[in-house]
Protein backbone atom coordinates (compact mmCIF):
# COMPACT_ATOMS: atom_id res chain seq x y z
CA MET A 1 8.36 6.93 -27.99
CA THR A 2 6.65 6.11 -24.65
CA TYR A 3 8.29 5.05 -21.47
CA LEU A 4 6.98 3.19 -18.42
CA ILE A 5 7.70 3.68 -14.73
CA LEU A 6 7.44 0.75 -12.42
CA ALA A 7 7.60 0.94 -8.89
CA ARG A 8 6.49 -0.79 -5.75
CA ASP A 9 5.87 0.11 -2.21
CA GLY A 10 5.00 -2.19 0.87
CA THR A 11 1.49 -3.17 -0.41
CA SER A 12 0.92 -1.96 -4.06
CA GLN A 13 2.67 -1.51 -7.53
CA ILE A 14 2.22 1.23 -10.02
CA VAL A 15 2.73 1.65 -13.64
CA LEU A 16 3.04 5.18 -14.85
CA LYS A 17 3.47 6.36 -18.55
CA ARG A 18 5.73 9.43 -19.84
CA ASP A 19 6.24 10.45 -23.37
CA SER A 20 9.99 11.36 -22.94
CA GLU A 21 12.93 9.50 -21.21
CA ASP A 22 13.83 12.60 -19.23
CA ALA A 23 10.52 13.00 -17.83
CA ALA A 24 10.22 9.28 -16.97
CA GLU A 25 13.60 9.57 -15.16
CA LYS A 26 12.57 12.48 -13.39
CA LYS A 27 9.46 10.74 -12.11
CA ALA A 28 11.61 7.57 -11.11
CA ARG A 29 13.89 9.89 -9.05
CA GLU A 30 10.58 11.53 -7.30
CA LEU A 31 9.12 8.06 -6.63
CA LYS A 32 12.49 6.91 -4.95
CA GLU A 33 12.58 10.01 -2.94
CA MET A 34 9.26 9.26 -1.66
CA GLY A 35 10.23 5.78 -0.52
CA TRP A 36 8.92 3.59 -3.53
CA PHE A 37 11.34 0.82 -4.30
CA GLU A 38 12.11 -1.52 -7.35
CA VAL A 39 11.81 1.59 -9.33
CA GLU A 40 12.65 1.03 -13.10
CA VAL A 41 12.11 2.77 -16.44
CA ARG A 42 11.33 0.78 -19.26
CA GLU A 43 10.71 1.66 -23.05
CA ASP A 44 7.12 0.86 -24.01
CA LYS A 45 8.17 -0.73 -27.49
CA ALA A 46 4.77 -2.17 -28.49
CA GLY A 47 2.50 -0.56 -25.99
CA THR A 48 2.53 -3.72 -23.95
CA ILE A 49 1.28 -2.21 -20.40
CA ALA A 50 -0.69 -5.25 -19.71
CA ALA A 51 2.19 -7.83 -20.55
CA THR A 52 4.47 -5.72 -18.40
CA LEU A 53 2.10 -6.06 -15.44
CA THR A 54 1.73 -9.64 -16.00
CA ASP A 55 5.73 -10.43 -16.27
CA ARG A 56 6.23 -8.31 -13.24
CA SER A 57 3.66 -9.86 -11.02
CA GLN A 58 4.85 -13.26 -11.86
CA THR A 59 8.41 -12.34 -10.45
CA LEU A 60 7.11 -10.86 -7.35
CA GLN A 61 5.32 -13.98 -6.23
């Protein structure tokens, strides 16, 4: 299973992939400690990174 970590800072957004939920949660904690916000972990059910970015960008506008 693949997990996506989504996060924003003041000017940009990132999406990272991890192969395990533990690794994704660890990276999410690291991003929060570095000052990123709106950090979330999602299960990539259908390999839909592009759809995730589209959905997320529409909510940010």
